[in-house]
Amino acid sequence: MKFILGTKENMMEYFSETGEVIPVTVLKVGPVMVTRIFEKSKDGYDSVQVGFAQKKKKTLKEFRLKPTDKSEVKEGDSIDVGVFAPGDKLQVTSVSKGKGFQGVVKRHGFHGGPRTHGQKHSEREPGSIGGGLRTHVPKGMRMAGRMGGDRITQKNLKVVLVDQENNLMLVKGAITGRRGSLVEIISR
């Protein structure tokens, strides 16, 4: 299992040797330092804690390990982008862009009410939110509220290019989040 932390830089087009245009996301990856190793005998589970950049505690992340993967890393080791190769399949986790408080049309894709036939100010309203017999709002009713800012995991993304000198990785497709957001990368 390979794992690392990085930041999302931007998106661009990459031209392959065959002339194919590939949309890629540029990630500034690592190097990360192994700060702690959790063991099942002491802590109850097997995991590796890594730190990225000299910043806040939030840049410390844990990656769960199988017992067979424990021998690969030691405390104090440095992991860089060189552990990945073009063609590797990735699982990438990041936080999506926050969009603030949004209505039901943007948040859930409601169509709203009719714009004519005697309707007034009901174009973007949610409609009924509960019945008349049991006078309460059912749990899970889709309503207006805060949108975005969720932790999203994307699977089966493919590494297109690894630039070890500049600590850059090009990943095929779009990755959730704004520029500069923290990204967790795992390859199994």
Protein backbone atom coordinates (compact mmCIF):
# COMPACT_ATOMS: atom_id res chain seq x y z
CA MET A 1 0.00 0.00 0.00
CA LYS A 2 1.33 3.43 -0.99
CA PHE A 3 0.09 6.66 0.60
CA ILE A 4 1.02 10.34 0.65
CA LEU A 5 -0.39 13.83 1.24
CA GLY A 6 -0.35 16.79 -1.12
CA THR A 7 -2.15 19.90 -2.30
CA LYS A 8 -4.24 20.51 -5.39
CA GLU A 9 -2.53 22.98 -7.72
CA ASN A 10 -4.64 23.34 -10.89
CA MET A 11 -6.02 21.55 -13.95
CA MET A 12 -4.50 21.47 -17.41
CA GLU A 13 -4.32 19.50 -20.66
CA TYR A 14 -1.62 16.87 -21.10
CA PHE A 15 -0.68 15.59 -24.56
CA SER A 16 0.31 11.92 -24.65
CA GLU A 17 2.85 10.40 -27.07
CA THR A 18 -0.01 9.35 -29.37
CA GLY A 19 -1.32 12.93 -29.53
CA GLU A 20 -4.29 12.27 -27.27
CA VAL A 21 -5.40 15.21 -25.11
CA ILE A 22 -5.87 14.14 -21.47
CA PRO A 23 -7.48 16.42 -18.86
CA VAL A 24 -5.30 16.19 -15.74
CA THR A 25 -5.17 17.64 -12.24
CA VAL A 26 -1.74 18.78 -11.04
CA LEU A 27 -0.97 17.76 -7.44
CA LYS A 28 2.01 19.06 -5.43
CA VAL A 29 2.80 15.94 -3.45
CA GLY A 30 5.00 15.34 -0.41
CA PRO A 31 7.50 14.75 0.86
CA VAL A 32 5.80 13.54 4.04
CA MET A 33 7.44 12.40 7.28
CA VAL A 34 6.28 9.34 9.22
CA THR A 35 5.60 10.85 12.65
CA ARG A 36 4.17 7.82 14.47
CA ILE A 37 3.35 4.15 13.97
CA PHE A 38 0.32 2.72 15.78
CA GLU A 39 0.44 -1.00 16.60
CA LYS A 40 -2.41 -3.37 17.38
CA SER A 41 -0.74 -4.60 20.58
CA LYS A 42 -0.45 -1.09 22.11
CA ASP A 43 -3.08 1.06 20.38
CA GLY A 44 -5.66 -1.50 19.26
CA TYR A 45 -5.14 -1.00 15.50
CA ASP A 46 -2.38 -0.83 12.89
CA SER A 47 -1.85 2.60 11.36
CA VAL A 48 0.79 5.08 10.20
CA GLN A 49 0.61 8.79 11.01
CA VAL A 50 2.30 11.11 8.52
CA GLY A 51 2.89 14.86 8.59
CA PHE A 52 2.89 17.16 5.57
CA ALA A 53 4.58 20.59 5.60
CA GLN A 54 5.31 22.51 8.79
CA LYS A 55 1.78 23.63 9.49
CA LYS A 56 -1.10 22.95 11.82
CA LYS A 57 -2.11 19.66 13.38
CA LYS A 58 -4.68 19.14 10.63
CA THR A 59 -1.87 18.18 8.25
CA LEU A 60 -1.22 15.08 10.38
CA LYS A 61 -3.15 12.19 8.83
CA GLU A 62 -3.43 8.50 9.61
CA PHE A 63 -3.45 5.70 7.06
CA ARG A 64 -4.68 2.28 8.20
CA LEU A 65 -2.34 -0.60 7.40
CA LYS A 66 -2.65 -4.33 6.98
CA PRO A 67 -0.31 -6.34 9.22
CA THR A 68 1.79 -7.23 6.15
CA ASP A 69 2.41 -3.54 5.29
CA LYS A 70 3.84 -2.58 8.71
CA SER A 71 7.41 -3.61 7.95
CA GLU A 72 7.65 -1.24 4.95
CA VAL A 73 7.80 2.02 6.97
CA LYS A 74 9.58 3.15 10.12
CA GLU A 75 9.17 6.22 12.30
CA GLY A 76 11.16 9.15 10.90
CA ASP A 77 11.12 7.88 7.30
CA SER A 78 10.42 10.33 4.49
CA ILE A 79 8.01 9.37 1.71
CA ASP A 80 8.10 11.28 -1.58
CA VAL A 81 6.25 11.17 -4.90
CA GLY A 82 8.71 8.58 -6.25
CA VAL A 83 6.72 5.73 -4.67
CA PHE A 84 4.07 6.21 -7.38
CA ALA A 85 4.46 5.35 -11.07
CA PRO A 86 2.46 6.24 -14.19
CA GLY A 87 -0.49 3.88 -14.56
CA ASP A 88 -1.10 3.42 -10.81
CA LYS A 89 -4.75 3.46 -9.71
CA LEU A 90 -5.45 5.95 -6.93
CA GLN A 91 -8.04 6.68 -4.29
CA VAL A 92 -8.05 10.45 -3.63
CA THR A 93 -9.83 12.13 -0.70
CA SER A 94 -10.32 15.89 -0.35
CA VAL A 95 -12.84 18.49 0.83
CA SER A 96 -15.23 19.90 -1.80
CA LYS A 97 -15.72 23.62 -2.39
CA GLY A 98 -18.16 25.23 0.04
CA LYS A 99 -21.11 26.97 -1.61
CA GLY A 100 -22.81 28.43 1.46
CA PHE A 101 -26.54 28.39 2.21
CA GLN A 102 -28.42 27.32 -0.93
CA GLY A 103 -32.05 26.73 -1.81
CA VAL A 104 -33.65 23.46 -2.88
CA VAL A 105 -33.32 24.16 -6.62
CA LYS A 106 -29.51 24.40 -6.53
CA ARG A 107 -28.94 22.01 -3.61
CA HIS A 108 -31.26 19.14 -4.59
CA GLY A 109 -32.29 19.88 -8.18
CA PHE A 110 -35.97 20.64 -7.46
CA HIS A 111 -37.86 22.06 -10.45
CA GLY A 112 -39.95 24.55 -8.49
CA GLY A 113 -43.55 25.49 -9.15
CA PRO A 114 -45.21 26.87 -12.28
CA ARG A 115 -44.50 30.45 -13.28
CA THR A 116 -48.06 31.14 -14.50
CA HIS A 117 -51.66 29.98 -13.94
CA GLY A 118 -52.29 32.07 -10.86
CA GLN A 119 -49.07 31.21 -9.03
CA LYS A 120 -47.33 34.01 -7.18
CA HIS A 121 -43.78 33.84 -5.77
CA SER A 122 -43.65 30.02 -5.88
CA GLU A 123 -41.11 29.52 -8.64
CA ARG A 124 -38.25 28.27 -6.45
CA GLU A 125 -40.14 27.06 -3.36
CA PRO A 126 -39.82 23.47 -2.12
CA GLY A 127 -43.55 22.72 -2.04
CA SER A 128 -45.10 20.65 0.75
CA ILE A 129 -42.72 19.47 3.48
CA GLY A 130 -45.12 17.27 5.42
CA GLY A 131 -48.61 15.77 5.51
CA GLY A 132 -51.69 17.03 7.33
CA LEU A 133 -52.52 13.85 9.30
CA ARG A 134 -49.27 13.45 11.21
CA THR A 135 -48.26 17.05 11.59
CA HIS A 136 -44.50 16.85 11.59
CA VAL A 137 -41.66 17.06 9.10
CA PRO A 138 -40.31 13.59 8.24
CA LYS A 139 -36.65 12.87 8.93
CA GLY A 140 -34.38 13.37 5.92
CA MET A 141 -36.70 15.83 4.17
CA ARG A 142 -34.68 17.63 1.52
CA MET A 143 -34.71 21.33 2.31
CA ALA A 144 -32.59 24.43 1.83
CA GLY A 145 -29.33 24.50 3.77
CA ARG A 146 -25.58 24.55 3.67
CA MET A 147 -24.06 23.06 0.54
CA GLY A 148 -20.53 21.81 -0.16
CA GLY A 149 -17.61 21.52 2.22
CA ASP A 150 -17.98 17.73 2.32
CA ARG A 151 -15.23 15.12 2.46
CA ILE A 152 -15.28 13.38 -0.93
CA THR A 153 -13.41 10.21 -1.94
CA GLN A 154 -12.83 9.49 -5.62
CA LYS A 155 -11.66 6.02 -6.65
CA ASN A 156 -9.92 4.50 -9.69
CA LEU A 157 -8.11 7.67 -10.76
CA LYS A 158 -5.04 7.03 -12.91
CA VAL A 159 -1.55 8.53 -12.56
CA VAL A 160 -0.46 10.02 -15.89
CA LEU A 161 2.96 11.48 -15.00
CA VAL A 162 5.25 11.73 -11.96
CA ASP A 163 7.78 14.61 -11.76
CA GLN A 164 10.12 13.70 -8.90
CA GLU A 165 12.30 16.83 -9.21
CA ASN A 166 9.38 19.22 -8.61
CA ASN A 167 7.29 16.84 -6.43
CA LEU A 168 4.41 16.97 -8.92
CA MET A 169 1.94 14.28 -9.96
CA LEU A 170 -0.52 14.50 -12.85
CA VAL A 171 -3.75 12.57 -12.26
CA LYS A 172 -6.27 11.93 -15.03
CA GLY A 173 -9.58 13.75 -14.47
CA ALA A 174 -10.86 16.31 -12.00
CA ILE A 175 -10.25 16.14 -8.25
CA THR A 176 -12.67 17.71 -5.80
CA GLY A 177 -11.68 20.85 -3.89
CA ARG A 178 -10.28 24.31 -4.39
CA ARG A 179 -6.70 25.16 -5.28
CA GLY A 180 -4.35 24.66 -2.35
CA SER A 181 -6.66 22.21 -0.55
CA LEU A 182 -5.16 19.20 1.24
CA VAL A 183 -5.42 15.90 -0.65
CA GLU A 184 -4.94 12.34 0.69
CA ILE A 185 -3.67 9.87 -1.91
CA ILE A 186 -3.73 6.07 -1.52
CA SER A 187 -2.75 3.33 -3.96
CA ARG A 188 -3.45 -0.26 -2.92
